[in-house]
């Protein structure tokens, strides 16, 4: 394990350096002058130049980059140009909402995806496999925003059983918070769960052809135990890799879902900051997303090694 982590650290470092460069340069390629936006539409060129100097935007690009990277290590994430507040404060206020949504969607994605894949991969009923394949295909073809709108129509307007907008933090009221969280988490999780279900189903069909499955059947091991303890366990490798990759997709999809369900998370902050050329906020959000993706991939590889003894990290 130690050798594995030592080998990965240079790669992780290069990825983070590259992402920091992209995060620093990309917002500056967007149209609009942040100094003019801060100064206001009635500002004179002299006033805009004064604001640009106060914000440090007139310094050389290399100096600005090194200063920003130093701030990342020291916890000084800079000042928002749009809100005139520390970036760390803005992100801290909205972080809980996005974390709740992403983690709830991750749990639902794993439970639904592995559960459906297990049923489809172990059943002998052709009609059930066909029905599951049809549902999976339908969900994979539907974008997250359409799933969210259909859920609002079905559970918020037709049956009126769940709230469709707003949020209540789980830390304040878990019971009410779950009611507000369920629909957006489902809308975010259903499409990737369908993909995971297909991976599990396909892998289980392949594993069922293995000799150890025939041996277990010959010994009289119950079919349910074979499906769960032997076939499913040896089929989870591709699904685990997909889960690690899909976690990044969940964070990206949260931008749209938060807008549909009126959740005040990082997604809306990212959209607002990009529209207003708020460089400091956009930069930190990009680096944070890359860091989460890198950590998720690292944990995926470690989990895959623990799940499959044939995989050796070293």
C-alpha atoms as a PDB file:
ATOM      1  CA  UNK A   1       0.000   0.000   0.000  1.00  0.00           C
ATOM      2  CA  UNK A   2       2.805   2.435   0.890  1.00  0.00           C
ATOM      3  CA  UNK A   3       4.597   1.800  -2.397  1.00  0.00           C
ATOM      4  CA  UNK A   4       1.324   2.320  -4.259  1.00  0.00           C
ATOM      5  CA  UNK A   5       0.723   5.688  -2.595  1.00  0.00           C
ATOM      6  CA  UNK A   6       4.331   6.779  -3.177  1.00  0.00           C
ATOM      7  CA  UNK A   7       4.012   5.950  -6.879  1.00  0.00           C
ATOM      8  CA  UNK A   8       0.720   7.816  -7.129  1.00  0.00           C
ATOM      9  CA  UNK A   9       1.842  11.024  -5.404  1.00  0.00           C
ATOM     10  CA  UNK A  10       3.861  12.407  -8.374  1.00  0.00           C
ATOM     11  CA  UNK A  11       0.968  11.712 -10.731  1.00  0.00           C
ATOM     12  CA  UNK A  12      -1.504  13.368  -8.363  1.00  0.00           C
ATOM     13  CA  UNK A  13       0.841  16.335  -8.035  1.00  0.00           C
ATOM     14  CA  UNK A  14       1.105  16.769 -11.800  1.00  0.00           C
ATOM     15  CA  UNK A  15      -2.668  16.549 -12.193  1.00  0.00           C
ATOM     16  CA  UNK A  16      -3.242  19.179  -9.513  1.00  0.00           C
ATOM     17  CA  UNK A  17      -0.613  21.520 -10.974  1.00  0.00           C
ATOM     18  CA  UNK A  18      -2.130  21.177 -14.452  1.00  0.00           C
ATOM     19  CA  UNK A  19      -5.650  21.718 -13.108  1.00  0.00           C
ATOM     20  CA  UNK A  20      -4.522  24.801 -11.162  1.00  0.00           C
ATOM     21  CA  UNK A  21      -3.051  26.289 -14.339  1.00  0.00           C
ATOM     22  CA  UNK A  22      -6.249  25.577 -16.257  1.00  0.00           C
ATOM     23  CA  UNK A  23      -8.386  26.937 -13.416  1.00  0.00           C
ATOM     24  CA  UNK A  24      -6.283  30.097 -13.297  1.00  0.00           C
ATOM     25  CA  UNK A  25      -6.161  30.762 -17.028  1.00  0.00           C
ATOM     26  CA  UNK A  26      -9.614  29.561 -18.141  1.00  0.00           C
ATOM     27  CA  UNK A  27     -11.700  32.232 -16.354  1.00  0.00           C
ATOM     28  CA  UNK A  28      -9.471  34.921 -17.853  1.00  0.00           C
ATOM     29  CA  UNK A  29     -10.424  33.719 -21.321  1.00  0.00           C
ATOM     30  CA  UNK A  30     -14.107  34.332 -20.637  1.00  0.00           C
ATOM     31  CA  UNK A  31     -15.636  37.533 -22.044  1.00  0.00           C
ATOM     32  CA  UNK A  32     -16.060  40.455 -19.720  1.00  0.00           C
ATOM     33  CA  UNK A  33     -13.850  42.621 -17.539  1.00  0.00           C
ATOM     34  CA  UNK A  34     -14.191  41.807 -13.817  1.00  0.00           C
ATOM     35  CA  UNK A  35     -12.840  45.234 -12.874  1.00  0.00           C
ATOM     36  CA  UNK A  36     -15.543  46.921 -14.955  1.00  0.00           C
ATOM     37  CA  UNK A  37     -18.197  44.636 -13.431  1.00  0.00           C
ATOM     38  CA  UNK A  38     -17.068  45.545  -9.914  1.00  0.00           C
ATOM     39  CA  UNK A  39     -16.772  49.265 -10.659  1.00  0.00           C
ATOM     40  CA  UNK A  40     -20.269  49.412 -12.133  1.00  0.00           C
ATOM     41  CA  UNK A  41     -21.736  50.491 -15.472  1.00  0.00           C
ATOM     42  CA  UNK A  42     -21.290  54.221 -14.748  1.00  0.00           C
ATOM     43  CA  UNK A  43     -17.598  53.978 -13.843  1.00  0.00           C
ATOM     44  CA  UNK A  44     -15.047  55.993 -15.748  1.00  0.00           C
ATOM     45  CA  UNK A  45     -11.924  54.389 -17.271  1.00  0.00           C
ATOM     46  CA  UNK A  46      -9.864  55.890 -14.442  1.00  0.00           C
ATOM     47  CA  UNK A  47     -12.123  54.324 -11.822  1.00  0.00           C
ATOM     48  CA  UNK A  48     -11.963  50.947 -13.598  1.00  0.00           C
ATOM     49  CA  UNK A  49      -8.159  51.157 -13.631  1.00  0.00           C
ATOM     50  CA  UNK A  50      -8.200  51.958  -9.921  1.00  0.00           C
ATOM     51  CA  UNK A  51     -10.380  48.933  -9.178  1.00  0.00           C
ATOM     52  CA  UNK A  52      -8.142  46.754 -11.348  1.00  0.00           C
ATOM     53  CA  UNK A  53      -5.139  47.906  -9.318  1.00  0.00           C
ATOM     54  CA  UNK A  54      -6.912  47.249  -6.009  1.00  0.00           C
ATOM     55  CA  UNK A  55      -7.804  43.733  -7.132  1.00  0.00           C
ATOM     56  CA  UNK A  56      -4.264  43.042  -8.286  1.00  0.00           C
ATOM     57  CA  UNK A  57      -5.370  42.378 -11.859  1.00  0.00           C
ATOM     58  CA  UNK A  58      -2.730  44.727 -13.249  1.00  0.00           C
ATOM     59  CA  UNK A  59       0.134  42.587 -11.953  1.00  0.00           C
ATOM     60  CA  UNK A  60       1.946  40.106 -14.211  1.00  0.00           C
ATOM     61  CA  UNK A  61       0.061  36.859 -14.789  1.00  0.00           C
ATOM     62  CA  UNK A  62       2.863  34.766 -13.291  1.00  0.00           C
ATOM     63  CA  UNK A  63       2.845  36.872 -10.109  1.00  0.00           C
ATOM     64  CA  UNK A  64      -0.912  36.545  -9.802  1.00  0.00           C
ATOM     65  CA  UNK A  65      -0.705  32.766 -10.267  1.00  0.00           C
ATOM     66  CA  UNK A  66       2.026  32.236  -7.678  1.00  0.00           C
ATOM     67  CA  UNK A  67       0.196  34.430  -5.191  1.00  0.00           C
ATOM     68  CA  UNK A  68      -3.017  32.487  -5.757  1.00  0.00           C
ATOM     69  CA  UNK A  69      -1.313  29.091  -5.363  1.00  0.00           C
ATOM     70  CA  UNK A  70       0.302  30.288  -2.133  1.00  0.00           C
ATOM     71  CA  UNK A  71      -3.144  31.257  -0.899  1.00  0.00           C
ATOM     72  CA  UNK A  72      -4.472  27.762  -1.659  1.00  0.00           C
ATOM     73  CA  UNK A  73      -1.850  26.254   0.655  1.00  0.00           C
ATOM     74  CA  UNK A  74      -2.353  28.826   3.405  1.00  0.00           C
ATOM     75  CA  UNK A  75      -6.147  28.783   3.291  1.00  0.00           C
ATOM     76  CA  UNK A  76      -6.461  32.274   1.852  1.00  0.00           C
ATOM     77  CA  UNK A  77      -8.731  31.613  -1.132  1.00  0.00           C
ATOM     78  CA  UNK A  78      -9.092  35.259  -2.027  1.00  0.00           C
ATOM     79  CA  UNK A  79     -11.994  37.681  -2.201  1.00  0.00           C
ATOM     80  CA  UNK A  80     -15.057  37.273  -4.389  1.00  0.00           C
ATOM     81  CA  UNK A  81     -15.320  40.043  -6.944  1.00  0.00           C
ATOM     82  CA  UNK A  82     -19.086  39.692  -7.161  1.00  0.00           C
ATOM     83  CA  UNK A  83     -20.047  39.364  -3.490  1.00  0.00           C
ATOM     84  CA  UNK A  84     -17.064  41.212  -1.964  1.00  0.00           C
ATOM     85  CA  UNK A  85     -16.731  38.456   0.612  1.00  0.00           C
ATOM     86  CA  UNK A  86     -14.019  35.838   1.239  1.00  0.00           C
ATOM     87  CA  UNK A  87     -14.293  32.897  -1.158  1.00  0.00           C
ATOM     88  CA  UNK A  88     -13.860  30.438   1.716  1.00  0.00           C
ATOM     89  CA  UNK A  89     -16.875  31.961   3.454  1.00  0.00           C
ATOM     90  CA  UNK A  90     -19.041  31.755   0.325  1.00  0.00           C
ATOM     91  CA  UNK A  91     -18.109  28.124  -0.287  1.00  0.00           C
ATOM     92  CA  UNK A  92     -18.537  27.199   3.379  1.00  0.00           C
ATOM     93  CA  UNK A  93     -22.107  28.498   3.422  1.00  0.00           C
ATOM     94  CA  UNK A  94     -23.124  26.444   0.376  1.00  0.00           C
ATOM     95  CA  UNK A  95     -20.915  23.395   0.812  1.00  0.00           C
ATOM     96  CA  UNK A  96     -23.271  21.493   3.109  1.00  0.00           C
ATOM     97  CA  UNK A  97     -26.111  21.553   0.577  1.00  0.00           C
ATOM     98  CA  UNK A  98     -23.999  20.161  -2.277  1.00  0.00           C
ATOM     99  CA  UNK A  99     -22.297  17.542  -0.070  1.00  0.00           C
ATOM    100  CA  UNK A 100     -25.684  16.308   1.154  1.00  0.00           C
ATOM    101  CA  UNK A 101     -26.984  16.038  -2.397  1.00  0.00           C
ATOM    102  CA  UNK A 102     -23.865  14.324  -3.796  1.00  0.00           C
ATOM    103  CA  UNK A 103     -23.571  11.782  -0.955  1.00  0.00           C
ATOM    104  CA  UNK A 104     -27.288  10.968  -1.003  1.00  0.00           C
ATOM    105  CA  UNK A 105     -27.140  10.495  -4.788  1.00  0.00           C
ATOM    106  CA  UNK A 106     -24.036   8.310  -4.410  1.00  0.00           C
ATOM    107  CA  UNK A 107     -25.763   6.028  -1.887  1.00  0.00           C
ATOM    108  CA  UNK A 108     -28.869   5.748  -4.064  1.00  0.00           C
ATOM    109  CA  UNK A 109     -26.748   5.133  -7.165  1.00  0.00           C
ATOM    110  CA  UNK A 110     -24.894   2.244  -5.510  1.00  0.00           C
ATOM    111  CA  UNK A 111     -27.949   0.672  -3.874  1.00  0.00           C
ATOM    112  CA  UNK A 112     -30.198   0.944  -6.928  1.00  0.00           C
ATOM    113  CA  UNK A 113     -27.511   0.060  -9.464  1.00  0.00           C
ATOM    114  CA  UNK A 114     -26.103  -2.967  -7.638  1.00  0.00           C
ATOM    115  CA  UNK A 115     -29.564  -4.126  -6.573  1.00  0.00           C
ATOM    116  CA  UNK A 116     -31.041  -4.026 -10.061  1.00  0.00           C
ATOM    117  CA  UNK A 117     -27.899  -5.567 -11.524  1.00  0.00           C
ATOM    118  CA  UNK A 118     -28.070  -8.406  -8.997  1.00  0.00           C
ATOM    119  CA  UNK A 119     -31.694  -9.135  -9.832  1.00  0.00           C
ATOM    120  CA  UNK A 120     -31.101  -8.971 -13.594  1.00  0.00           C
ATOM    121  CA  UNK A 121     -27.927 -11.043 -13.391  1.00  0.00           C
ATOM    122  CA  UNK A 122     -29.361 -13.809 -11.210  1.00  0.00           C
ATOM    123  CA  UNK A 123     -32.944 -14.195 -12.467  1.00  0.00           C
ATOM    124  CA  UNK A 124     -33.851 -16.884 -14.955  1.00  0.00           C
ATOM    125  CA  UNK A 125     -37.073 -15.142 -16.041  1.00  0.00           C
ATOM    126  CA  UNK A 126     -36.542 -13.771 -19.535  1.00  0.00           C
ATOM    127  CA  UNK A 127     -39.437 -11.316 -19.215  1.00  0.00           C
ATOM    128  CA  UNK A 128     -37.916  -9.762 -16.083  1.00  0.00           C
ATOM    129  CA  UNK A 129     -34.513  -9.325 -17.726  1.00  0.00           C
ATOM    130  CA  UNK A 130     -36.193  -7.738 -20.746  1.00  0.00           C
ATOM    131  CA  UNK A 131     -38.177  -5.364 -18.537  1.00  0.00           C
ATOM    132  CA  UNK A 132     -35.056  -4.344 -16.598  1.00  0.00           C
ATOM    133  CA  UNK A 133     -33.119  -3.797 -19.830  1.00  0.00           C
ATOM    134  CA  UNK A 134     -35.913  -1.598 -21.138  1.00  0.00           C
ATOM    135  CA  UNK A 135     -36.044   0.527 -17.981  1.00  0.00           C
ATOM    136  CA  UNK A 136     -32.251   0.857 -17.934  1.00  0.00           C
ATOM    137  CA  UNK A 137     -32.186   1.965 -21.567  1.00  0.00           C
ATOM    138  CA  UNK A 138     -34.927   4.512 -20.938  1.00  0.00           C
ATOM    139  CA  UNK A 139     -33.186   6.015 -17.908  1.00  0.00           C
ATOM    140  CA  UNK A 140     -29.817   6.151 -19.660  1.00  0.00           C
ATOM    141  CA  UNK A 141     -31.406   8.055 -22.542  1.00  0.00           C
ATOM    142  CA  UNK A 142     -33.066  10.626 -20.261  1.00  0.00           C
ATOM    143  CA  UNK A 143     -30.962  13.596 -19.102  1.00  0.00           C
ATOM    144  CA  UNK A 144     -30.987  14.453 -15.405  1.00  0.00           C
ATOM    145  CA  UNK A 145     -32.977  17.666 -15.828  1.00  0.00           C
ATOM    146  CA  UNK A 146     -35.796  15.775 -17.577  1.00  0.00           C
ATOM    147  CA  UNK A 147     -35.891  13.160 -14.806  1.00  0.00           C
ATOM    148  CA  UNK A 148     -36.049  15.974 -12.272  1.00  0.00           C
ATOM    149  CA  UNK A 149     -38.914  17.721 -14.047  1.00  0.00           C
ATOM    150  CA  UNK A 150     -40.876  14.463 -14.334  1.00  0.00           C
ATOM    151  CA  UNK A 151     -40.386  13.809 -10.618  1.00  0.00           C
ATOM    152  CA  UNK A 152     -41.617  17.284  -9.769  1.00  0.00           C
ATOM    153  CA  UNK A 153     -44.690  16.696 -11.930  1.00  0.00           C
ATOM    154  CA  UNK A 154     -45.385  13.230 -10.505  1.00  0.00           C
ATOM    155  CA  UNK A 155     -44.522  13.528  -6.794  1.00  0.00           C
ATOM    156  CA  UNK A 156     -45.018  17.258  -6.303  1.00  0.00           C
ATOM    157  CA  UNK A 157     -48.049  18.106  -8.416  1.00  0.00           C
ATOM    158  CA  UNK A 158     -50.002  14.918  -9.161  1.00  0.00           C
ATOM    159  CA  UNK A 159     -49.590  13.084  -5.827  1.00  0.00           C
ATOM    160  CA  UNK A 160     -48.147  15.942  -3.716  1.00  0.00           C
ATOM    161  CA  UNK A 161     -46.214  13.667  -1.382  1.00  0.00           C
ATOM    162  CA  UNK A 162     -42.795  15.387  -1.403  1.00  0.00           C
ATOM    163  CA  UNK A 163     -41.584  18.994  -1.543  1.00  0.00           C
ATOM    164  CA  UNK A 164     -40.196  20.009  -4.916  1.00  0.00           C
ATOM    165  CA  UNK A 165     -38.186  23.149  -4.144  1.00  0.00           C
ATOM    166  CA  UNK A 166     -36.067  24.569  -1.388  1.00  0.00           C
ATOM    167  CA  UNK A 167     -34.108  22.694   1.240  1.00  0.00           C
ATOM    168  CA  UNK A 168     -33.704  22.057   4.959  1.00  0.00           C
ATOM    169  CA  UNK A 169     -30.279  21.053   6.222  1.00  0.00           C
ATOM    170  CA  UNK A 170     -30.068  17.530   7.627  1.00  0.00           C
ATOM    171  CA  UNK A 171     -28.093  18.867  10.564  1.00  0.00           C
ATOM    172  CA  UNK A 172     -31.066  21.029  11.565  1.00  0.00           C
ATOM    173  CA  UNK A 173     -33.971  18.616  10.967  1.00  0.00           C
ATOM    174  CA  UNK A 174     -33.056  15.182   9.530  1.00  0.00           C
ATOM    175  CA  UNK A 175     -36.641  14.089   8.937  1.00  0.00           C
ATOM    176  CA  UNK A 176     -37.723  17.193   7.006  1.00  0.00           C
ATOM    177  CA  UNK A 177     -34.327  17.478   5.351  1.00  0.00           C
ATOM    178  CA  UNK A 178     -34.641  13.970   3.899  1.00  0.00           C
ATOM    179  CA  UNK A 179     -37.997  14.857   2.388  1.00  0.00           C
ATOM    180  CA  UNK A 180     -36.448  17.819   0.569  1.00  0.00           C
ATOM    181  CA  UNK A 181     -33.390  15.762  -0.416  1.00  0.00           C
ATOM    182  CA  UNK A 182     -35.030  12.614  -1.799  1.00  0.00           C
ATOM    183  CA  UNK A 183     -36.299  13.893  -5.169  1.00  0.00           C
ATOM    184  CA  UNK A 184     -33.151  15.783  -6.273  1.00  0.00           C
ATOM    185  CA  UNK A 185     -30.948  12.885  -5.133  1.00  0.00           C
ATOM    186  CA  UNK A 186     -33.047  10.396  -7.115  1.00  0.00           C
ATOM    187  CA  UNK A 187     -33.022  12.627 -10.198  1.00  0.00           C
ATOM    188  CA  UNK A 188     -29.238  12.813  -9.971  1.00  0.00           C
ATOM    189  CA  UNK A 189     -28.695   9.101  -9.259  1.00  0.00           C
ATOM    190  CA  UNK A 190     -31.060   7.219 -11.582  1.00  0.00           C
ATOM    191  CA  UNK A 191     -29.148   7.549 -14.870  1.00  0.00           C
ATOM    192  CA  UNK A 192     -25.718   6.513 -13.479  1.00  0.00           C
ATOM    193  CA  UNK A 193     -27.415   3.765 -11.439  1.00  0.00           C
ATOM    194  CA  UNK A 194     -28.753   2.297 -14.682  1.00  0.00           C
ATOM    195  CA  UNK A 195     -25.256   2.206 -16.126  1.00  0.00           C
ATOM    196  CA  UNK A 196     -23.906   0.455 -13.030  1.00  0.00           C
ATOM    197  CA  UNK A 197     -26.781  -2.034 -13.143  1.00  0.00           C
ATOM    198  CA  UNK A 198     -25.834  -2.979 -16.702  1.00  0.00           C
ATOM    199  CA  UNK A 199     -22.192  -3.454 -15.734  1.00  0.00           C
ATOM    200  CA  UNK A 200     -23.121  -5.696 -12.801  1.00  0.00           C
ATOM    201  CA  UNK A 201     -25.577  -7.684 -14.914  1.00  0.00           C
ATOM    202  CA  UNK A 202     -23.058  -8.271 -17.710  1.00  0.00           C
ATOM    203  CA  UNK A 203     -20.277  -9.171 -15.298  1.00  0.00           C
ATOM    204  CA  UNK A 204     -22.496 -11.624 -13.412  1.00  0.00           C
ATOM    205  CA  UNK A 205     -23.401 -13.419 -16.632  1.00  0.00           C
ATOM    206  CA  UNK A 206     -19.701 -13.849 -17.395  1.00  0.00           C
ATOM    207  CA  UNK A 207     -18.795 -14.983 -13.874  1.00  0.00           C
ATOM    208  CA  UNK A 208     -21.602 -17.567 -13.885  1.00  0.00           C
ATOM    209  CA  UNK A 209     -19.674 -19.451 -16.581  1.00  0.00           C
ATOM    210  CA  UNK A 210     -16.702 -19.943 -14.220  1.00  0.00           C
ATOM    211  CA  UNK A 211     -15.713 -23.339 -12.867  1.00  0.00           C
ATOM    212  CA  UNK A 212     -16.021 -22.329  -9.213  1.00  0.00           C
ATOM    213  CA  UNK A 213     -19.720 -21.578  -9.723  1.00  0.00           C
ATOM    214  CA  UNK A 214     -20.289 -25.081 -11.154  1.00  0.00           C
ATOM    215  CA  UNK A 215     -18.359 -26.508  -8.199  1.00  0.00           C
ATOM    216  CA  UNK A 216     -20.525 -24.625  -5.712  1.00  0.00           C
ATOM    217  CA  UNK A 217     -23.669 -25.863  -7.449  1.00  0.00           C
ATOM    218  CA  UNK A 218     -22.345 -29.420  -7.360  1.00  0.00           C
ATOM    219  CA  UNK A 219     -21.773 -29.094  -3.619  1.00  0.00           C
ATOM    220  CA  UNK A 220     -25.386 -28.097  -3.108  1.00  0.00           C
ATOM    221  CA  UNK A 221     -24.787 -24.468  -2.142  1.00  0.00           C
ATOM    222  CA  UNK A 222     -28.084 -22.531  -2.343  1.00  0.00           C
ATOM    223  CA  UNK A 223     -28.403 -20.512  -5.531  1.00  0.00           C
ATOM    224  CA  UNK A 224     -29.103 -17.299  -3.620  1.00  0.00           C
ATOM    225  CA  UNK A 225     -25.898 -17.651  -1.646  1.00  0.00           C
ATOM    226  CA  UNK A 226     -23.936 -18.366  -4.815  1.00  0.00           C
ATOM    227  CA  UNK A 227     -25.377 -15.275  -6.505  1.00  0.00           C
ATOM    228  CA  UNK A 228     -24.541 -12.919  -3.629  1.00  0.00           C
ATOM    229  CA  UNK A 229     -21.372 -14.296  -2.026  1.00  0.00           C
ATOM    230  CA  UNK A 230     -19.620 -15.716  -5.086  1.00  0.00           C
ATOM    231  CA  UNK A 231     -20.962 -14.325  -8.361  1.00  0.00           C
ATOM    232  CA  UNK A 232     -21.796 -10.774  -7.225  1.00  0.00           C
ATOM    233  CA  UNK A 233     -18.561 -10.276  -5.317  1.00  0.00           C
ATOM    234  CA  UNK A 234     -16.483 -11.254  -8.341  1.00  0.00           C
ATOM    235  CA  UNK A 235     -18.622  -9.018 -10.574  1.00  0.00           C
ATOM    236  CA  UNK A 236     -18.263  -5.764  -8.645  1.00  0.00           C
ATOM    237  CA  UNK A 237     -14.856  -4.765 -10.037  1.00  0.00           C
ATOM    238  CA  UNK A 238     -16.137  -2.942 -13.166  1.00  0.00           C
ATOM    239  CA  UNK A 239     -18.998  -1.425 -11.155  1.00  0.00           C
ATOM    240  CA  UNK A 240     -16.603  -0.102  -8.503  1.00  0.00           C
ATOM    241  CA  UNK A 241     -14.483   1.597 -11.166  1.00  0.00           C
ATOM    242  CA  UNK A 242     -17.625   3.092 -12.698  1.00  0.00           C
ATOM    243  CA  UNK A 243     -18.781   4.360  -9.287  1.00  0.00           C
ATOM    244  CA  UNK A 244     -15.486   6.157  -8.776  1.00  0.00           C
ATOM    245  CA  UNK A 245     -15.775   7.810 -12.172  1.00  0.00           C
ATOM    246  CA  UNK A 246     -19.459   8.594 -11.807  1.00  0.00           C
ATOM    247  CA  UNK A 247     -18.904  10.448  -8.531  1.00  0.00           C
ATOM    248  CA  UNK A 248     -17.373  13.269 -10.550  1.00  0.00           C
ATOM    249  CA  UNK A 249     -20.402  13.183 -12.833  1.00  0.00           C
ATOM    250  CA  UNK A 250     -22.647  13.564  -9.789  1.00  0.00           C
ATOM    251  CA  UNK A 251     -20.878  16.779  -8.819  1.00  0.00           C
ATOM    252  CA  UNK A 252     -21.233  18.103 -12.375  1.00  0.00           C
ATOM    253  CA  UNK A 253     -24.897  17.075 -12.584  1.00  0.00           C
ATOM    254  CA  UNK A 254     -25.597  18.777  -9.264  1.00  0.00           C
ATOM    255  CA  UNK A 255     -25.356  22.152 -11.033  1.00  0.00           C
ATOM    256  CA  UNK A 256     -28.504  21.468 -13.070  1.00  0.00           C
ATOM    257  CA  UNK A 257     -30.355  19.601 -10.341  1.00  0.00           C
ATOM    258  CA  UNK A 258     -29.771  22.373  -7.800  1.00  0.00           C
ATOM    259  CA  UNK A 259     -31.247  24.874 -10.247  1.00  0.00           C
ATOM    260  CA  UNK A 260     -34.333  22.723 -10.886  1.00  0.00           C
ATOM    261  CA  UNK A 261     -35.038  22.054  -7.208  1.00  0.00           C
ATOM    262  CA  UNK A 262     -33.948  25.525  -5.996  1.00  0.00           C
ATOM    263  CA  UNK A 263     -31.152  24.277  -3.752  1.00  0.00           C
ATOM    264  CA  UNK A 264     -28.636  26.913  -2.706  1.00  0.00           C
ATOM    265  CA  UNK A 265     -25.482  24.870  -3.320  1.00  0.00           C
ATOM    266  CA  UNK A 266     -22.141  25.197  -5.041  1.00  0.00           C
ATOM    267  CA  UNK A 267     -23.710  24.558  -8.439  1.00  0.00           C
ATOM    268  CA  UNK A 268     -25.644  27.809  -8.444  1.00  0.00           C
ATOM    269  CA  UNK A 269     -22.603  29.600  -7.060  1.00  0.00           C
ATOM    270  CA  UNK A 270     -20.480  28.264  -9.945  1.00  0.00           C
ATOM    271  CA  UNK A 271     -22.998  29.389 -12.576  1.00  0.00           C
ATOM    272  CA  UNK A 272     -23.398  32.840 -11.041  1.00  0.00           C
ATOM    273  CA  UNK A 273     -19.631  33.293 -10.689  1.00  0.00           C
ATOM    274  CA  UNK A 274     -18.970  32.242 -14.280  1.00  0.00           C
ATOM    275  CA  UNK A 275     -21.622  34.623 -15.602  1.00  0.00           C
ATOM    276  CA  UNK A 276     -20.133  37.543 -13.653  1.00  0.00           C
ATOM    277  CA  UNK A 277     -16.464  36.721 -14.364  1.00  0.00           C
ATOM    278  CA  UNK A 278     -15.823  36.166 -10.660  1.00  0.00           C
ATOM    279  CA  UNK A 279     -12.345  34.670 -11.125  1.00  0.00           C
ATOM    280  CA  UNK A 280     -11.474  33.779  -7.511  1.00  0.00           C
ATOM    281  CA  UNK A 281     -14.617  31.695  -6.965  1.00  0.00           C
ATOM    282  CA  UNK A 282     -14.466  29.890 -10.320  1.00  0.00           C
ATOM    283  CA  UNK A 283     -10.800  29.023  -9.818  1.00  0.00           C
ATOM    284  CA  UNK A 284     -11.301  27.470  -6.386  1.00  0.00           C
ATOM    285  CA  UNK A 285     -14.347  25.490  -7.511  1.00  0.00           C
ATOM    286  CA  UNK A 286     -12.459  24.004 -10.490  1.00  0.00           C
ATOM    287  CA  UNK A 287      -9.474  22.944  -8.367  1.00  0.00           C
ATOM    288  CA  UNK A 288     -11.780  21.556  -5.698  1.00  0.00           C
ATOM    289  CA  UNK A 289     -13.690  19.460  -8.241  1.00  0.00           C
ATOM    290  CA  UNK A 290     -10.450  18.048  -9.670  1.00  0.00           C
ATOM    291  CA  UNK A 291      -9.148  17.248  -6.187  1.00  0.00           C
ATOM    292  CA  UNK A 292     -12.337  15.368  -5.330  1.00  0.00           C
ATOM    293  CA  UNK A 293     -12.121  13.397  -8.595  1.00  0.00           C
ATOM    294  CA  UNK A 294      -8.488  12.461  -7.913  1.00  0.00           C
ATOM    295  CA  UNK A 295      -9.250  11.298  -4.370  1.00  0.00           C
ATOM    296  CA  UNK A 296     -12.278   9.333  -5.578  1.00  0.00           C
ATOM    297  CA  UNK A 297     -10.142   7.579  -8.207  1.00  0.00           C
ATOM    298  CA  UNK A 298      -7.478   6.764  -5.608  1.00  0.00           C
ATOM    299  CA  UNK A 299     -10.048   5.295  -3.210  1.00  0.00           C
ATOM    300  CA  UNK A 300     -11.549   3.328  -6.098  1.00  0.00           C
ATOM    301  CA  UNK A 301      -8.233   1.658  -6.872  1.00  0.00           C
ATOM    302  CA  UNK A 302      -7.686   0.819  -3.198  1.00  0.00           C
ATOM    303  CA  UNK A 303     -11.229  -0.564  -2.904  1.00  0.00           C
ATOM    304  CA  UNK A 304     -10.789  -2.622  -6.056  1.00  0.00           C
ATOM    305  CA  UNK A 305      -7.649  -4.213  -4.623  1.00  0.00           C
ATOM    306  CA  UNK A 306      -9.489  -5.058  -1.413  1.00  0.00           C
ATOM    307  CA  UNK A 307     -12.422  -6.511  -3.302  1.00  0.00           C
ATOM    308  CA  UNK A 308     -10.428  -8.638  -5.750  1.00  0.00           C
ATOM    309  CA  UNK A 309      -7.373 -10.452  -4.326  1.00  0.00           C
ATOM    310  CA  UNK A 310      -6.002 -10.825  -7.853  1.00  0.00           C
ATOM    311  CA  UNK A 311      -5.436  -7.067  -8.013  1.00  0.00           C
ATOM    312  CA  UNK A 312      -2.180  -6.013  -6.365  1.00  0.00           C
ATOM    313  CA  UNK A 313      -1.549  -2.342  -5.741  1.00  0.00           C
ATOM    314  CA  UNK A 314       2.204  -2.933  -5.456  1.00  0.00           C
END
